[in-house]
Protein backbone atom coordinates (compact mmCIF):
# COMPACT_ATOMS: atom_id res chain seq x y z
CA MET A 1 0.00 0.00 0.00
CA ASP A 2 1.30 3.44 -0.92
CA TRP A 3 0.31 5.23 2.27
CA LYS A 4 1.48 8.64 1.14
CA ASP A 5 -0.80 8.43 -1.87
CA TYR A 6 -3.59 7.10 0.35
CA TRP A 7 -3.41 10.05 2.74
CA ASN A 8 -3.09 12.59 -0.05
CA THR A 9 -6.17 11.28 -1.88
CA ARG A 10 -8.60 9.61 0.52
CA PRO A 11 -9.30 12.69 2.71
CA THR A 12 -10.32 14.65 -0.40
CA LYS A 13 -13.37 12.38 -0.76
CA TYR A 14 -15.01 13.99 2.26
CA GLU A 15 -16.42 17.41 2.97
CA VAL A 16 -13.86 19.85 4.31
CA THR A 17 -15.46 19.77 7.79
CA ASP A 18 -15.92 15.99 7.94
CA PHE A 19 -12.90 15.84 10.23
CA TYR A 20 -13.41 12.37 11.70
CA ARG A 21 -13.80 10.46 8.46
CA GLN A 22 -10.95 12.39 6.82
CA VAL A 23 -8.55 10.69 9.24
CA ASP A 24 -10.33 7.32 9.48
CA LYS A 25 -11.67 7.83 12.99
CA THR A 26 -14.52 5.50 12.16
CA VAL A 27 -16.15 2.21 13.06
CA GLY A 28 -18.02 0.48 10.26
CA GLY A 29 -17.60 3.59 8.14
CA LYS A 30 -19.32 5.82 10.69
CA ALA A 31 -17.48 8.53 12.57
CA VAL A 32 -16.71 7.83 16.23
CA ASP A 33 -18.12 10.22 18.82
CA ILE A 34 -16.35 13.05 20.62
CA ALA A 35 -15.84 10.84 23.67
CA GLN A 36 -13.32 8.79 21.66
CA ILE A 37 -11.27 11.86 20.86
CA GLN A 38 -11.33 12.81 24.53
CA LEU A 39 -10.13 9.29 25.41
CA ALA A 40 -7.30 9.61 22.89
CA VAL A 41 -6.20 12.93 24.38
CA LYS A 42 -6.38 11.49 27.90
CA GLN A 43 -4.13 8.59 26.89
CA ILE A 44 -1.57 11.06 25.56
CA GLN A 45 -1.80 13.28 28.64
CA VAL A 46 -1.43 10.42 31.11
CA GLY A 47 1.02 8.32 29.11
CA LEU A 48 3.45 11.21 28.59
CA GLU A 49 2.76 12.89 31.94
CA LEU A 50 2.10 16.00 29.90
CA TYR A 51 2.60 19.32 31.69
CA GLN A 52 1.71 22.89 30.82
CA ASN A 53 5.35 23.84 30.18
CA ASP A 54 6.11 20.94 27.80
CA VAL A 55 7.27 21.52 24.24
CA THR A 56 5.60 18.71 22.31
CA LEU A 57 5.92 17.00 18.92
CA ASP A 58 2.91 15.40 17.22
CA LEU A 59 3.96 12.95 14.51
CA CYS A 60 1.47 12.20 11.70
CA CYS A 61 -0.95 14.80 12.98
CA GLY A 62 -3.45 14.52 10.12
CA ASN A 63 -5.99 17.35 10.15
CA GLY A 64 -5.14 18.44 13.69
CA LEU A 65 -8.27 16.95 15.24
CA ILE A 66 -6.32 15.62 18.23
CA THR A 67 -3.48 18.14 18.05
CA LYS A 68 -5.81 21.01 18.86
CA GLU A 69 -6.99 19.31 22.06
CA VAL A 70 -3.50 18.27 23.21
CA ALA A 71 -2.31 21.85 22.65
CA LYS A 72 -4.53 22.93 25.55
CA LEU A 73 -2.39 20.81 27.87
CA CYS A 74 1.13 21.96 26.99
CA LYS A 75 3.24 25.00 26.14
CA SER A 76 3.52 24.39 22.40
CA ILE A 77 3.18 21.73 19.71
CA ALA A 78 4.91 21.21 16.40
CA ALA A 79 2.68 18.91 14.35
CA VAL A 80 3.97 17.10 11.25
CA ASP A 81 2.16 15.32 8.44
CA TYR A 82 2.96 14.59 4.79
CA SER A 83 -0.58 15.11 3.51
CA SER A 84 -0.84 18.63 2.13
CA HIS A 85 -4.63 18.40 2.10
CA LEU A 86 -4.79 17.49 5.79
CA ILE A 87 -2.26 20.14 6.79
CA ASP A 88 -4.31 22.75 4.92
CA ILE A 89 -7.41 21.69 6.88
CA ALA A 90 -5.45 21.74 10.14
CA ASN A 91 -4.30 25.29 9.49
CA GLU A 92 -7.79 26.39 8.51
CA TYR A 93 -9.85 24.73 11.25
CA HIS A 94 -7.60 23.49 14.05
CA LYS A 95 -5.03 26.26 14.40
CA GLU A 96 -4.08 27.68 17.79
CA LYS A 97 -1.40 30.18 18.77
CA ASN A 98 0.79 27.47 20.28
CA ILE A 99 0.54 25.05 17.31
CA THR A 100 2.85 25.00 14.30
CA TYR A 101 1.72 22.68 11.52
CA ILE A 102 4.49 21.43 9.25
CA LEU A 103 4.15 19.66 5.91
CA GLY A 104 6.73 16.89 5.83
CA SER A 105 7.54 13.25 6.46
CA ALA A 106 8.14 11.93 9.96
CA LEU A 107 11.03 9.95 8.47
CA GLU A 108 12.82 13.06 7.24
CA LEU A 109 12.87 15.15 10.38
CA ALA A 110 15.93 17.26 11.09
CA SER A 111 16.80 20.34 13.12
CA SER A 112 16.14 22.41 10.01
CA THR A 113 12.53 21.19 10.08
CA PHE A 114 12.03 23.22 13.26
CA PRO A 115 14.27 26.27 12.74
CA SER A 116 12.75 28.31 15.54
CA GLY A 117 11.90 25.56 18.00
CA PRO A 118 13.70 24.25 21.09
CA LEU A 119 14.25 20.57 21.81
CA PHE A 120 11.09 18.56 22.42
CA ASP A 121 10.14 17.43 25.93
CA LYS A 122 7.40 15.00 24.84
CA ILE A 123 6.66 13.20 21.56
CA TYR A 124 3.62 11.21 20.47
CA MET A 125 2.11 9.50 17.45
CA HIS A 126 -1.57 8.57 17.39
CA ASP A 127 -2.90 5.62 15.36
CA SER A 128 -0.13 5.86 12.78
CA LEU A 129 2.69 3.43 13.60
CA GLN A 130 0.82 0.96 11.38
CA TYR A 131 1.98 2.95 8.35
CA PHE A 132 5.64 2.26 9.19
CA ASN A 133 7.75 -0.88 9.02
CA GLU A 134 10.68 -2.21 11.04
CA LYS A 135 13.29 -0.20 9.12
CA ASP A 136 11.15 2.93 9.33
CA LEU A 137 10.81 2.72 13.10
CA ALA A 138 14.56 2.39 13.59
CA GLN A 139 15.11 5.41 11.31
CA LEU A 140 12.42 7.43 13.08
CA LEU A 141 13.88 6.85 16.54
CA ALA A 142 17.39 7.70 15.35
CA HIS A 143 16.15 10.98 13.84
CA LEU A 144 14.22 11.94 16.97
CA LYS A 145 17.19 11.63 19.32
CA PRO A 146 18.92 14.93 18.38
CA LEU A 147 15.57 16.74 18.36
CA SER A 148 14.54 15.84 21.90
CA THR A 149 15.64 16.44 25.45
CA GLU A 150 17.66 13.77 27.22
CA ARG A 151 14.71 12.16 29.03
CA CYS A 152 12.06 12.81 26.38
CA PRO A 153 9.48 9.97 26.26
CA ILE A 154 7.86 8.86 23.02
CA LEU A 155 4.32 7.50 23.08
CA PHE A 156 2.84 5.47 20.25
CA VAL A 157 -0.91 5.35 20.79
CA GLY A 158 -3.06 2.76 19.02
CA VAL A 159 -0.50 0.26 17.72
CA PRO A 160 -2.12 -2.73 15.95
CA ASP A 161 -1.22 -5.75 18.09
CA GLN A 162 -0.18 -8.83 16.10
CA ASP A 163 -1.22 -11.04 19.01
CA ARG A 164 -4.82 -9.89 18.60
CA ILE A 165 -5.15 -9.64 14.83
CA TRP A 166 -8.00 -12.19 14.83
CA ASP A 167 -9.89 -10.13 17.37
CA PHE A 168 -10.15 -7.53 14.63
CA TYR A 169 -10.65 -9.88 11.67
CA ASN A 170 -13.14 -11.79 13.76
CA THR A 171 -15.37 -13.52 11.22
CA PRO A 172 -14.59 -15.96 8.39
CA GLU A 173 -15.58 -13.27 5.89
CA ARG A 174 -13.29 -10.65 7.43
CA ARG A 175 -10.40 -13.12 7.62
CA LYS A 176 -10.85 -14.05 3.97
CA GLU A 177 -10.88 -10.37 3.01
CA TYR A 178 -7.69 -9.86 5.03
CA GLU A 179 -5.88 -12.71 3.27
CA ILE A 180 -6.88 -11.38 -0.16
CA ARG A 181 -5.87 -7.80 0.61
CA LYS A 182 -2.59 -8.91 2.19
CA ALA A 183 -1.72 -11.02 -0.86
CA ASN A 184 -2.37 -7.99 -3.06
CA GLY A 185 -0.35 -5.64 -0.87
CA GLN A 186 -3.51 -3.74 0.04
CA GLU A 187 -3.98 -4.73 3.70
CA ALA A 188 -6.27 -2.10 5.20
CA ILE A 189 -4.57 -1.68 8.57
CA GLY A 190 -0.94 -1.79 7.51
CA THR A 191 1.69 -3.21 9.85
CA TRP A 192 0.53 -5.46 12.66
CA TRP A 193 3.31 -5.09 15.21
CA GLU A 194 4.83 -7.75 17.42
CA LYS A 195 5.52 -6.22 20.81
CA GLU A 196 8.88 -7.97 21.02
CA LEU A 197 9.98 -6.36 17.77
CA ILE A 198 9.09 -2.85 18.92
CA ALA A 199 10.96 -3.44 22.18
CA SER A 200 14.01 -4.77 20.31
CA ILE A 201 14.18 -1.80 17.93
CA ALA A 202 13.72 0.59 20.85
CA ALA A 203 16.51 -1.08 22.83
CA LYS A 204 18.98 -0.57 19.98
CA GLU A 205 18.30 3.16 20.27
CA HIS A 206 18.66 2.97 24.08
CA TYR A 207 14.98 3.16 24.96
CA CYS A 208 13.06 1.02 27.41
CA CYS A 209 9.63 0.06 26.11
CA THR A 210 6.48 -0.39 28.18
CA PHE A 211 3.20 -1.56 26.70
CA ILE A 212 0.00 -0.06 28.05
CA LYS A 213 -3.52 -1.35 27.50
CA GLN A 214 -5.97 1.11 26.04
CA PRO A 215 -9.01 1.99 28.18
CA ALA A 216 -11.71 -0.63 27.68
CA THR A 217 -14.11 2.00 26.36
CA THR A 218 -11.74 2.94 23.53
CA TYR A 219 -13.22 1.70 20.26
CA SER A 220 -9.95 0.03 19.24
CA ALA A 221 -9.00 -1.47 22.62
CA HIS A 222 -9.69 -5.03 21.46
CA TYR A 223 -6.90 -4.97 18.89
CA ARG A 224 -4.61 -2.02 19.61
CA ILE A 225 -2.10 -1.24 22.36
CA ASN A 226 0.01 1.75 23.38
CA ALA A 227 3.81 1.68 23.47
CA LEU A 228 5.73 4.06 25.71
CA LEU A 229 9.45 4.52 25.04
CA CYS A 230 11.64 6.11 27.71
CA ALA A 231 15.38 6.65 27.76
CA ALA A 232 17.20 3.63 29.16
């Protein structure tokens, strides 16, 4: 699956204010409710121990739906996404004084990406690690090191858990669809991560990895998990 093409084309199918469906915050094609966004923000706040003086980095921010809410909890946020359409919507509808939206790839971050910004105290990615592979994750962590403070934690929220893949594809029909899409390189979720692999990649970059269950009321709790990386 060409995810860059996906995220540059799929959001354009929806009305400019259809924020939830633009970023696939859906169940059965229907947008989730506001309570799910609030749960997502709470997971970020608690997982990162987010404070009002924190300088924060939001990776794969999409249209800023979650960014805007997290910004209320910290000093500032730089939010990065490679979809020009979504960044345009973020700047139009989800802009705040302490948010800087940046068009770019999370895999190509450098100090020049943030010319006026200090080092980041907290970093998170919401529901997007599935669009990366093993090599990507290693590259991402290596690039984040010089951009962050010494003890900066990184939180990956909503990681598809390989151990529970059949809790998501939970009927014979859904499993058959999965096998067909996977064979064609069109698997809808992307990468289903083994927890041991994430921990191993993190360890090579001198991070300790802790896995955290999502709140039971989160719509994706039956097949996703959170991964918190802290300096070893």
